N, C-alpha and C. Protein backbone atom coordinates (compact mmCIF):
# COMPACT_ATOMS: atom_id res chain seq x y z
N MET A 1 10.89 19.44 1.91
CA MET A 1 10.46 18.23 2.58
C MET A 1 9.09 18.47 3.21
N LYS A 2 8.36 17.41 3.44
CA LYS A 2 7.01 17.47 3.99
C LYS A 2 7.06 18.03 5.41
N PRO A 3 6.23 19.05 5.70
CA PRO A 3 6.20 19.57 7.08
C PRO A 3 5.62 18.55 8.05
N GLN A 4 6.16 18.50 9.24
CA GLN A 4 5.68 17.59 10.29
C GLN A 4 4.35 18.12 10.83
N PRO A 5 3.30 17.30 10.85
CA PRO A 5 2.01 17.77 11.37
C PRO A 5 2.02 17.86 12.89
N HIS A 6 1.00 18.47 13.43
CA HIS A 6 0.81 18.53 14.88
C HIS A 6 0.00 17.32 15.32
N PHE A 7 0.51 16.61 16.31
CA PHE A 7 -0.21 15.47 16.88
C PHE A 7 -0.80 15.92 18.21
N ASP A 8 -2.09 15.67 18.41
CA ASP A 8 -2.76 16.08 19.64
C ASP A 8 -2.36 15.22 20.84
N HIS A 9 -1.93 14.00 20.56
CA HIS A 9 -1.54 13.06 21.61
C HIS A 9 -0.29 12.33 21.14
N PRO A 10 0.52 11.84 22.08
CA PRO A 10 1.76 11.17 21.67
C PRO A 10 1.48 9.87 20.92
N VAL A 11 2.18 9.69 19.79
CA VAL A 11 2.13 8.45 19.03
C VAL A 11 3.56 8.05 18.69
N HIS A 12 3.75 6.79 18.38
CA HIS A 12 5.08 6.26 18.09
C HIS A 12 5.69 6.98 16.90
N GLU A 13 7.00 7.15 16.91
CA GLU A 13 7.69 7.86 15.83
C GLU A 13 7.49 7.20 14.46
N LEU A 14 7.29 5.88 14.42
CA LEU A 14 7.04 5.21 13.14
C LEU A 14 5.70 5.65 12.54
N ILE A 15 4.74 5.94 13.40
CA ILE A 15 3.45 6.44 12.93
C ILE A 15 3.58 7.91 12.55
N GLN A 16 4.36 8.65 13.32
CA GLN A 16 4.56 10.07 13.02
C GLN A 16 5.19 10.28 11.64
N LYS A 17 6.14 9.45 11.28
CA LYS A 17 6.86 9.69 10.02
C LYS A 17 6.15 9.12 8.80
N ARG A 18 5.13 8.29 8.99
CA ARG A 18 4.42 7.67 7.89
C ARG A 18 3.62 8.71 7.09
N TRP A 19 3.81 8.70 5.81
CA TRP A 19 2.94 9.44 4.89
C TRP A 19 3.06 8.80 3.53
N SER A 20 2.26 9.23 2.59
CA SER A 20 2.15 8.56 1.30
C SER A 20 2.71 9.45 0.19
N PRO A 21 4.00 9.33 -0.10
CA PRO A 21 4.61 10.17 -1.13
C PRO A 21 4.28 9.68 -2.54
N ARG A 22 4.54 10.56 -3.49
CA ARG A 22 4.45 10.20 -4.90
C ARG A 22 5.81 10.31 -5.59
N ALA A 23 6.75 10.96 -4.95
CA ALA A 23 8.10 11.11 -5.51
C ALA A 23 9.01 10.08 -4.86
N TYR A 24 9.53 9.19 -5.68
CA TYR A 24 10.41 8.14 -5.18
C TYR A 24 11.80 8.26 -5.79
N SER A 25 12.77 7.86 -5.01
CA SER A 25 14.15 7.75 -5.46
C SER A 25 14.25 6.57 -6.43
N THR A 26 15.26 6.61 -7.29
CA THR A 26 15.50 5.46 -8.18
C THR A 26 16.21 4.33 -7.45
N ARG A 27 16.61 4.56 -6.22
CA ARG A 27 17.30 3.53 -5.43
C ARG A 27 16.43 2.28 -5.31
N PRO A 28 16.93 1.13 -5.74
CA PRO A 28 16.13 -0.09 -5.63
C PRO A 28 15.96 -0.53 -4.18
N VAL A 29 14.91 -1.29 -3.95
CA VAL A 29 14.67 -1.90 -2.64
C VAL A 29 15.16 -3.34 -2.74
N ALA A 30 16.06 -3.72 -1.84
CA ALA A 30 16.66 -5.06 -1.86
C ALA A 30 15.59 -6.14 -1.67
N GLY A 31 15.81 -7.28 -2.30
CA GLY A 31 14.87 -8.39 -2.21
C GLY A 31 14.61 -8.84 -0.78
N ASP A 32 15.66 -8.91 0.04
CA ASP A 32 15.47 -9.30 1.45
C ASP A 32 14.63 -8.28 2.20
N THR A 33 14.78 -7.03 1.86
CA THR A 33 13.99 -5.97 2.50
C THR A 33 12.52 -6.12 2.13
N ILE A 34 12.25 -6.41 0.87
CA ILE A 34 10.86 -6.62 0.44
C ILE A 34 10.25 -7.80 1.19
N LEU A 35 11.02 -8.87 1.33
CA LEU A 35 10.51 -10.03 2.06
C LEU A 35 10.27 -9.71 3.53
N THR A 36 11.07 -8.81 4.10
CA THR A 36 10.83 -8.37 5.48
C THR A 36 9.48 -7.65 5.59
N LEU A 37 9.14 -6.85 4.58
CA LEU A 37 7.83 -6.18 4.58
C LEU A 37 6.69 -7.20 4.57
N PHE A 38 6.83 -8.22 3.72
CA PHE A 38 5.78 -9.24 3.65
C PHE A 38 5.76 -10.12 4.91
N GLU A 39 6.91 -10.30 5.53
CA GLU A 39 6.95 -11.04 6.81
C GLU A 39 6.16 -10.27 7.87
N ALA A 40 6.30 -8.96 7.89
CA ALA A 40 5.53 -8.15 8.83
C ALA A 40 4.03 -8.29 8.54
N ALA A 41 3.67 -8.28 7.27
CA ALA A 41 2.26 -8.46 6.88
C ALA A 41 1.76 -9.84 7.30
N ARG A 42 2.59 -10.83 7.14
CA ARG A 42 2.21 -12.22 7.46
C ARG A 42 1.78 -12.39 8.90
N TRP A 43 2.36 -11.60 9.81
CA TRP A 43 2.08 -11.75 11.23
C TRP A 43 0.96 -10.85 11.74
N ALA A 44 0.17 -10.30 10.84
CA ALA A 44 -1.00 -9.51 11.25
C ALA A 44 -2.07 -10.42 11.82
N ALA A 45 -2.91 -9.84 12.66
CA ALA A 45 -4.06 -10.57 13.20
C ALA A 45 -5.08 -10.79 12.07
N SER A 46 -5.86 -11.87 12.20
CA SER A 46 -6.93 -12.11 11.22
C SER A 46 -8.03 -12.93 11.88
N GLY A 47 -9.26 -12.69 11.43
CA GLY A 47 -10.41 -13.41 11.95
C GLY A 47 -10.27 -14.91 11.70
N GLY A 48 -10.35 -15.71 12.76
CA GLY A 48 -10.25 -17.16 12.64
C GLY A 48 -8.90 -17.61 12.13
N ASN A 49 -7.90 -16.73 12.20
CA ASN A 49 -6.55 -16.99 11.70
C ASN A 49 -6.57 -17.42 10.23
N GLU A 50 -7.51 -16.88 9.46
CA GLU A 50 -7.64 -17.21 8.04
C GLU A 50 -6.50 -16.66 7.19
N GLN A 51 -5.94 -15.53 7.61
CA GLN A 51 -4.86 -14.90 6.84
C GLN A 51 -5.26 -14.78 5.36
N PRO A 52 -6.35 -14.06 5.06
CA PRO A 52 -6.89 -14.03 3.70
C PRO A 52 -6.15 -13.09 2.75
N TRP A 53 -5.12 -12.41 3.22
CA TRP A 53 -4.40 -11.47 2.36
C TRP A 53 -3.52 -12.22 1.38
N ARG A 54 -3.41 -11.66 0.20
CA ARG A 54 -2.51 -12.17 -0.83
C ARG A 54 -1.86 -10.97 -1.50
N PHE A 55 -0.69 -11.17 -2.08
CA PHE A 55 0.03 -10.08 -2.73
C PHE A 55 0.65 -10.55 -4.04
N ILE A 56 0.66 -9.68 -5.01
CA ILE A 56 1.47 -9.86 -6.21
C ILE A 56 2.35 -8.62 -6.26
N TYR A 57 3.66 -8.81 -6.39
CA TYR A 57 4.55 -7.66 -6.40
C TYR A 57 5.60 -7.81 -7.49
N ALA A 58 6.22 -6.69 -7.80
CA ALA A 58 7.35 -6.70 -8.73
C ALA A 58 8.21 -5.49 -8.46
N THR A 59 9.50 -5.68 -8.69
CA THR A 59 10.43 -4.55 -8.69
C THR A 59 10.57 -4.06 -10.13
N ARG A 60 11.14 -2.89 -10.29
CA ARG A 60 11.33 -2.34 -11.64
C ARG A 60 12.20 -3.28 -12.49
N GLU A 61 13.07 -4.04 -11.83
CA GLU A 61 13.94 -4.96 -12.56
C GLU A 61 13.17 -6.18 -13.10
N GLN A 62 12.04 -6.48 -12.51
CA GLN A 62 11.19 -7.58 -12.98
C GLN A 62 10.21 -6.99 -14.00
N THR A 63 10.75 -6.65 -15.16
CA THR A 63 10.06 -5.77 -16.11
C THR A 63 8.70 -6.29 -16.57
N GLU A 64 8.59 -7.58 -16.84
CA GLU A 64 7.31 -8.08 -17.37
C GLU A 64 6.20 -7.95 -16.33
N ARG A 65 6.44 -8.46 -15.11
CA ARG A 65 5.41 -8.40 -14.07
C ARG A 65 5.18 -6.95 -13.64
N PHE A 66 6.24 -6.15 -13.54
CA PHE A 66 6.10 -4.73 -13.18
C PHE A 66 5.22 -4.03 -14.22
N GLY A 67 5.46 -4.32 -15.50
CA GLY A 67 4.66 -3.72 -16.56
C GLY A 67 3.20 -4.10 -16.47
N LYS A 68 2.91 -5.36 -16.13
CA LYS A 68 1.52 -5.79 -15.97
C LYS A 68 0.86 -5.06 -14.80
N LEU A 69 1.59 -4.91 -13.70
CA LEU A 69 1.04 -4.17 -12.56
C LEU A 69 0.79 -2.71 -12.94
N ALA A 70 1.75 -2.10 -13.60
CA ALA A 70 1.60 -0.70 -14.00
C ALA A 70 0.42 -0.52 -14.95
N GLU A 71 0.19 -1.50 -15.79
CA GLU A 71 -0.93 -1.44 -16.74
C GLU A 71 -2.28 -1.39 -16.03
N CYS A 72 -2.35 -1.92 -14.82
CA CYS A 72 -3.59 -1.92 -14.04
C CYS A 72 -3.90 -0.55 -13.43
N LEU A 73 -2.90 0.32 -13.32
CA LEU A 73 -3.09 1.61 -12.66
C LEU A 73 -4.03 2.52 -13.44
N SER A 74 -4.72 3.38 -12.70
CA SER A 74 -5.54 4.41 -13.35
C SER A 74 -4.63 5.40 -14.06
N GLU A 75 -5.20 6.15 -14.96
CA GLU A 75 -4.42 7.13 -15.72
C GLU A 75 -3.70 8.11 -14.80
N ASN A 76 -4.39 8.61 -13.76
CA ASN A 76 -3.78 9.57 -12.83
C ASN A 76 -2.59 8.97 -12.10
N ASN A 77 -2.71 7.71 -11.69
CA ASN A 77 -1.61 7.08 -10.95
C ASN A 77 -0.46 6.67 -11.86
N ARG A 78 -0.74 6.48 -13.14
CA ARG A 78 0.35 6.14 -14.08
C ARG A 78 1.33 7.29 -14.27
N VAL A 79 0.93 8.50 -13.88
CA VAL A 79 1.81 9.67 -14.00
C VAL A 79 3.03 9.52 -13.09
N TRP A 80 2.85 8.93 -11.91
CA TRP A 80 3.92 8.90 -10.92
C TRP A 80 4.26 7.50 -10.39
N ALA A 81 3.26 6.63 -10.22
CA ALA A 81 3.47 5.36 -9.52
C ALA A 81 4.50 4.43 -10.19
N PRO A 82 4.56 4.34 -11.52
CA PRO A 82 5.56 3.45 -12.11
C PRO A 82 7.01 3.90 -11.91
N GLU A 83 7.21 5.08 -11.33
CA GLU A 83 8.57 5.53 -10.99
C GLU A 83 9.05 4.92 -9.68
N ALA A 84 8.13 4.34 -8.90
CA ALA A 84 8.50 3.69 -7.64
C ALA A 84 9.27 2.41 -7.94
N PRO A 85 10.18 2.01 -7.06
CA PRO A 85 10.95 0.79 -7.31
C PRO A 85 10.16 -0.51 -7.11
N VAL A 86 9.03 -0.45 -6.38
CA VAL A 86 8.24 -1.65 -6.12
C VAL A 86 6.76 -1.31 -6.29
N LEU A 87 6.05 -2.17 -7.01
CA LEU A 87 4.59 -2.10 -7.11
C LEU A 87 4.02 -3.37 -6.50
N ILE A 88 2.92 -3.21 -5.75
CA ILE A 88 2.26 -4.35 -5.10
C ILE A 88 0.77 -4.27 -5.41
N LEU A 89 0.20 -5.39 -5.76
CA LEU A 89 -1.25 -5.54 -5.86
C LEU A 89 -1.69 -6.31 -4.63
N THR A 90 -2.64 -5.75 -3.87
CA THR A 90 -3.16 -6.46 -2.70
C THR A 90 -4.45 -7.16 -3.10
N LEU A 91 -4.64 -8.34 -2.52
CA LEU A 91 -5.80 -9.15 -2.85
C LEU A 91 -6.32 -9.82 -1.58
N VAL A 92 -7.57 -10.26 -1.64
CA VAL A 92 -8.12 -11.06 -0.55
C VAL A 92 -8.69 -12.36 -1.10
N LYS A 93 -8.56 -13.39 -0.29
CA LYS A 93 -9.25 -14.65 -0.55
C LYS A 93 -10.62 -14.49 0.09
N THR A 94 -11.67 -14.48 -0.73
CA THR A 94 -13.00 -14.09 -0.26
C THR A 94 -13.76 -15.20 0.47
N LEU A 95 -13.27 -16.44 0.36
CA LEU A 95 -13.96 -17.56 1.01
C LEU A 95 -13.09 -18.13 2.13
N ASN A 96 -13.74 -18.47 3.25
CA ASN A 96 -13.02 -19.10 4.36
C ASN A 96 -12.52 -20.48 3.95
N SER A 97 -11.30 -20.80 4.38
CA SER A 97 -10.70 -22.09 4.05
C SER A 97 -11.43 -23.24 4.73
N ARG A 98 -11.91 -23.00 5.94
CA ARG A 98 -12.48 -24.11 6.73
C ARG A 98 -13.88 -24.53 6.28
N ASN A 99 -14.65 -23.60 5.66
CA ASN A 99 -16.03 -23.97 5.29
C ASN A 99 -16.46 -23.45 3.92
N ASN A 100 -15.56 -22.81 3.21
CA ASN A 100 -15.84 -22.29 1.87
C ASN A 100 -16.98 -21.26 1.84
N GLN A 101 -17.27 -20.65 2.98
CA GLN A 101 -18.29 -19.60 3.08
C GLN A 101 -17.64 -18.23 2.93
N PRO A 102 -18.40 -17.20 2.54
CA PRO A 102 -17.82 -15.86 2.39
C PRO A 102 -17.15 -15.38 3.69
N ASN A 103 -15.98 -14.79 3.53
CA ASN A 103 -15.25 -14.22 4.66
C ASN A 103 -15.48 -12.71 4.64
N ARG A 104 -16.44 -12.25 5.40
CA ARG A 104 -16.77 -10.83 5.38
C ARG A 104 -15.73 -9.96 6.07
N TYR A 105 -14.75 -10.57 6.73
CA TYR A 105 -13.69 -9.82 7.41
C TYR A 105 -12.39 -9.78 6.61
N ALA A 106 -12.38 -10.38 5.44
CA ALA A 106 -11.14 -10.48 4.65
C ALA A 106 -10.53 -9.11 4.36
N TRP A 107 -11.35 -8.13 4.03
CA TRP A 107 -10.83 -6.80 3.69
C TRP A 107 -10.27 -6.11 4.93
N HIS A 108 -10.92 -6.30 6.06
CA HIS A 108 -10.41 -5.78 7.33
C HIS A 108 -9.05 -6.40 7.63
N ASP A 109 -8.97 -7.71 7.48
CA ASP A 109 -7.72 -8.41 7.77
C ASP A 109 -6.61 -7.98 6.83
N LEU A 110 -6.92 -7.77 5.56
CA LEU A 110 -5.93 -7.26 4.62
C LEU A 110 -5.43 -5.89 5.09
N GLY A 111 -6.35 -5.05 5.57
CA GLY A 111 -5.95 -3.74 6.09
C GLY A 111 -4.98 -3.86 7.25
N LEU A 112 -5.20 -4.82 8.14
CA LEU A 112 -4.27 -5.04 9.24
C LEU A 112 -2.90 -5.47 8.71
N ALA A 113 -2.89 -6.36 7.73
CA ALA A 113 -1.63 -6.84 7.15
C ALA A 113 -0.88 -5.69 6.48
N VAL A 114 -1.60 -4.85 5.74
CA VAL A 114 -0.95 -3.72 5.08
C VAL A 114 -0.49 -2.69 6.12
N GLY A 115 -1.23 -2.56 7.22
CA GLY A 115 -0.78 -1.70 8.31
C GLY A 115 0.55 -2.18 8.87
N ASN A 116 0.68 -3.48 9.07
CA ASN A 116 1.96 -4.03 9.53
C ASN A 116 3.06 -3.76 8.51
N LEU A 117 2.77 -4.02 7.24
CA LEU A 117 3.74 -3.79 6.17
C LEU A 117 4.19 -2.32 6.17
N THR A 118 3.24 -1.42 6.31
CA THR A 118 3.52 0.02 6.29
C THR A 118 4.38 0.44 7.47
N THR A 119 4.07 -0.08 8.66
CA THR A 119 4.86 0.26 9.84
C THR A 119 6.28 -0.29 9.71
N GLN A 120 6.40 -1.51 9.20
CA GLN A 120 7.73 -2.09 8.97
C GLN A 120 8.50 -1.24 7.95
N ALA A 121 7.81 -0.79 6.92
CA ALA A 121 8.46 0.07 5.92
C ALA A 121 8.99 1.34 6.59
N SER A 122 8.21 1.95 7.46
CA SER A 122 8.66 3.15 8.17
C SER A 122 9.92 2.87 8.97
N ALA A 123 9.97 1.70 9.60
CA ALA A 123 11.15 1.34 10.39
C ALA A 123 12.39 1.18 9.51
N LEU A 124 12.20 0.91 8.22
CA LEU A 124 13.30 0.70 7.30
C LEU A 124 13.57 1.93 6.42
N ASP A 125 12.98 3.07 6.80
CA ASP A 125 13.10 4.31 6.03
C ASP A 125 12.54 4.19 4.62
N LEU A 126 11.55 3.32 4.46
CA LEU A 126 10.82 3.19 3.21
C LEU A 126 9.47 3.86 3.35
N TYR A 127 8.88 4.19 2.23
CA TYR A 127 7.57 4.83 2.22
C TYR A 127 6.63 4.04 1.34
N VAL A 128 5.36 4.07 1.71
CA VAL A 128 4.32 3.29 1.07
C VAL A 128 3.20 4.25 0.67
N HIS A 129 2.66 4.06 -0.52
CA HIS A 129 1.49 4.83 -0.95
C HIS A 129 0.45 3.83 -1.45
N GLN A 130 -0.69 3.80 -0.76
CA GLN A 130 -1.77 2.90 -1.14
C GLN A 130 -2.70 3.60 -2.13
N MET A 131 -3.17 2.85 -3.12
CA MET A 131 -3.99 3.43 -4.17
C MET A 131 -5.24 2.60 -4.42
N ALA A 132 -6.36 3.31 -4.54
CA ALA A 132 -7.60 2.68 -5.01
C ALA A 132 -7.73 2.84 -6.51
N GLY A 133 -6.96 3.74 -7.09
CA GLY A 133 -7.03 4.04 -8.51
C GLY A 133 -6.35 3.01 -9.38
N PHE A 134 -7.07 1.93 -9.67
CA PHE A 134 -6.55 0.88 -10.55
C PHE A 134 -7.75 0.07 -11.03
N SER A 135 -7.54 -0.76 -12.04
CA SER A 135 -8.61 -1.60 -12.58
C SER A 135 -8.50 -3.01 -12.01
N ALA A 136 -9.45 -3.36 -11.15
CA ALA A 136 -9.49 -4.71 -10.60
C ALA A 136 -9.77 -5.72 -11.72
N GLU A 137 -10.60 -5.35 -12.66
CA GLU A 137 -10.92 -6.26 -13.77
C GLU A 137 -9.68 -6.55 -14.61
N LYS A 138 -8.90 -5.52 -14.88
CA LYS A 138 -7.67 -5.73 -15.65
C LYS A 138 -6.71 -6.62 -14.88
N ALA A 139 -6.61 -6.41 -13.56
CA ALA A 139 -5.73 -7.24 -12.73
C ALA A 139 -6.19 -8.70 -12.76
N LYS A 140 -7.50 -8.92 -12.66
CA LYS A 140 -8.03 -10.30 -12.71
C LYS A 140 -7.62 -10.98 -14.01
N HIS A 141 -7.75 -10.23 -15.10
CA HIS A 141 -7.43 -10.78 -16.42
C HIS A 141 -5.92 -11.00 -16.60
N LEU A 142 -5.13 -9.97 -16.31
CA LEU A 142 -3.69 -10.06 -16.56
C LEU A 142 -3.00 -11.12 -15.70
N PHE A 143 -3.52 -11.32 -14.49
CA PHE A 143 -2.90 -12.29 -13.59
C PHE A 143 -3.70 -13.59 -13.46
N ASP A 144 -4.73 -13.73 -14.30
CA ASP A 144 -5.52 -14.96 -14.35
C ASP A 144 -5.92 -15.43 -12.95
N LEU A 145 -6.56 -14.51 -12.21
CA LEU A 145 -6.90 -14.79 -10.81
C LEU A 145 -8.10 -15.72 -10.71
N PRO A 146 -8.08 -16.64 -9.75
CA PRO A 146 -9.26 -17.50 -9.53
C PRO A 146 -10.43 -16.67 -8.99
N PRO A 147 -11.65 -17.19 -9.11
CA PRO A 147 -12.83 -16.40 -8.72
C PRO A 147 -12.87 -16.00 -7.25
N ASP A 148 -12.20 -16.75 -6.36
CA ASP A 148 -12.25 -16.40 -4.94
C ASP A 148 -11.11 -15.49 -4.50
N ILE A 149 -10.34 -14.96 -5.44
CA ILE A 149 -9.28 -13.99 -5.12
C ILE A 149 -9.67 -12.65 -5.74
N GLU A 150 -9.82 -11.63 -4.90
CA GLU A 150 -10.30 -10.33 -5.35
C GLU A 150 -9.24 -9.25 -5.14
N PRO A 151 -8.89 -8.50 -6.20
CA PRO A 151 -7.98 -7.37 -6.05
C PRO A 151 -8.63 -6.27 -5.19
N VAL A 152 -7.83 -5.64 -4.33
CA VAL A 152 -8.37 -4.62 -3.42
C VAL A 152 -7.70 -3.27 -3.64
N THR A 153 -6.38 -3.20 -3.59
CA THR A 153 -5.65 -1.94 -3.76
C THR A 153 -4.33 -2.23 -4.46
N MET A 154 -3.66 -1.14 -4.82
CA MET A 154 -2.27 -1.24 -5.26
C MET A 154 -1.44 -0.35 -4.35
N ILE A 155 -0.15 -0.69 -4.25
CA ILE A 155 0.76 0.01 -3.35
C ILE A 155 2.07 0.26 -4.07
N THR A 156 2.64 1.44 -3.82
CA THR A 156 4.02 1.69 -4.21
C THR A 156 4.87 1.63 -2.96
N VAL A 157 6.12 1.21 -3.12
CA VAL A 157 7.08 1.17 -2.01
C VAL A 157 8.41 1.69 -2.53
N GLY A 158 9.07 2.51 -1.72
CA GLY A 158 10.40 2.96 -2.10
C GLY A 158 10.95 3.99 -1.13
N TYR A 159 12.11 4.49 -1.49
CA TYR A 159 12.77 5.54 -0.71
C TYR A 159 12.31 6.89 -1.26
N LEU A 160 12.31 7.89 -0.38
CA LEU A 160 11.85 9.22 -0.80
C LEU A 160 12.68 9.77 -1.95
N GLY A 161 11.97 10.42 -2.86
CA GLY A 161 12.61 11.05 -4.00
C GLY A 161 12.44 12.55 -3.96
N ASP A 162 12.75 13.20 -5.04
CA ASP A 162 12.71 14.65 -5.16
C ASP A 162 11.33 15.09 -5.67
N PRO A 163 10.58 15.88 -4.90
CA PRO A 163 9.26 16.34 -5.35
C PRO A 163 9.32 17.13 -6.66
N ASP A 164 10.49 17.70 -6.99
CA ASP A 164 10.61 18.46 -8.24
C ASP A 164 10.42 17.59 -9.47
N GLN A 165 10.51 16.26 -9.33
CA GLN A 165 10.31 15.37 -10.46
C GLN A 165 8.83 15.20 -10.82
N LEU A 166 7.94 15.71 -9.97
CA LEU A 166 6.50 15.56 -10.17
C LEU A 166 5.92 16.74 -10.94
N PRO A 167 4.79 16.52 -11.63
CA PRO A 167 4.06 17.66 -12.21
C PRO A 167 3.65 18.62 -11.09
N ASP A 168 3.45 19.88 -11.43
CA ASP A 168 3.19 20.92 -10.43
C ASP A 168 2.05 20.60 -9.48
N ASN A 169 0.93 20.06 -10.01
CA ASN A 169 -0.21 19.77 -9.13
C ASN A 169 0.12 18.70 -8.11
N LEU A 170 0.90 17.70 -8.51
CA LEU A 170 1.29 16.65 -7.56
C LEU A 170 2.40 17.12 -6.62
N LYS A 171 3.27 17.97 -7.13
CA LYS A 171 4.33 18.53 -6.28
C LYS A 171 3.72 19.32 -5.13
N ALA A 172 2.69 20.11 -5.41
CA ALA A 172 2.02 20.89 -4.36
C ALA A 172 1.44 19.96 -3.29
N ARG A 173 0.83 18.86 -3.71
CA ARG A 173 0.28 17.90 -2.74
C ARG A 173 1.40 17.22 -1.95
N GLU A 174 2.51 16.98 -2.63
CA GLU A 174 3.65 16.32 -1.99
C GLU A 174 4.22 17.17 -0.85
N LEU A 175 4.21 18.48 -1.04
CA LEU A 175 4.82 19.39 -0.06
C LEU A 175 3.83 19.94 0.96
N ALA A 176 2.54 19.71 0.76
CA ALA A 176 1.52 20.23 1.67
C ALA A 176 1.57 19.51 3.01
N GLU A 177 1.17 20.24 4.05
CA GLU A 177 1.11 19.64 5.38
C GLU A 177 0.02 18.57 5.42
N ARG A 178 0.30 17.46 6.09
CA ARG A 178 -0.70 16.40 6.25
C ARG A 178 -1.80 16.88 7.18
N GLN A 179 -3.02 16.47 6.88
CA GLN A 179 -4.18 16.86 7.68
C GLN A 179 -4.95 15.61 8.11
N ARG A 180 -5.54 15.67 9.27
CA ARG A 180 -6.43 14.61 9.73
C ARG A 180 -7.63 15.25 10.42
N LYS A 181 -8.76 14.54 10.39
CA LYS A 181 -9.96 15.01 11.10
C LYS A 181 -9.68 14.96 12.60
N PRO A 182 -10.31 15.83 13.37
CA PRO A 182 -10.11 15.78 14.82
C PRO A 182 -10.74 14.52 15.42
N LEU A 183 -10.22 14.09 16.55
CA LEU A 183 -10.70 12.87 17.20
C LEU A 183 -12.19 12.93 17.52
N ASP A 184 -12.72 14.12 17.87
CA ASP A 184 -14.13 14.19 18.22
C ASP A 184 -15.04 13.92 17.02
N GLU A 185 -14.51 13.97 15.82
CA GLU A 185 -15.27 13.56 14.63
C GLU A 185 -15.18 12.07 14.40
N LEU A 186 -14.16 11.43 14.92
CA LEU A 186 -13.90 10.03 14.65
C LEU A 186 -14.41 9.09 15.73
N ILE A 187 -14.51 9.58 16.95
CA ILE A 187 -15.00 8.77 18.08
C ILE A 187 -16.45 9.15 18.31
N LEU A 188 -17.34 8.21 18.02
CA LEU A 188 -18.78 8.49 18.11
C LEU A 188 -19.28 8.14 19.51
N ALA A 189 -20.08 9.02 20.05
CA ALA A 189 -20.69 8.77 21.36
C ALA A 189 -22.19 8.84 21.18
N SER A 190 -22.90 7.94 21.85
CA SER A 190 -24.36 7.97 21.70
C SER A 190 -25.02 8.41 22.98
């Protein structure tokens, strides 16, 4: 199992247990549970209350849509991600609803929504792995997205699985201790 990292300051247990696995159990995630994750995302803060986040998701049982999502993954992520019980494509609506002007905060707001989703997942003993390794162009084509909807990331969701199911290089990463930069690198003082 993943070693617990050292935290320099106290943080909530849901934040402590969060990490991004690649080994998932075959146990399905119930539909109501998935909707609970999206409900948590729905209540994230957003600039001007635009709520520009959008999601396309599928469970392994929804084979056609799941297959389309998996097809968008990079070659490296196709090694492990399609074994997860849920795949999610995150998207942003790039134009503000009130004036049709570019929403430069849409990606920030999506991050807040995914943060809520991730924390809710931790509370439900689920794990989330966010990925930049996918083809946004393929997603636009496969899902016939309108011009003002932009793919941003893909996410896996599921229960922890056995790291032994992974190739050796990924298994080593799965079992390695989590690392973070020290706070003095992250908090800038002028």
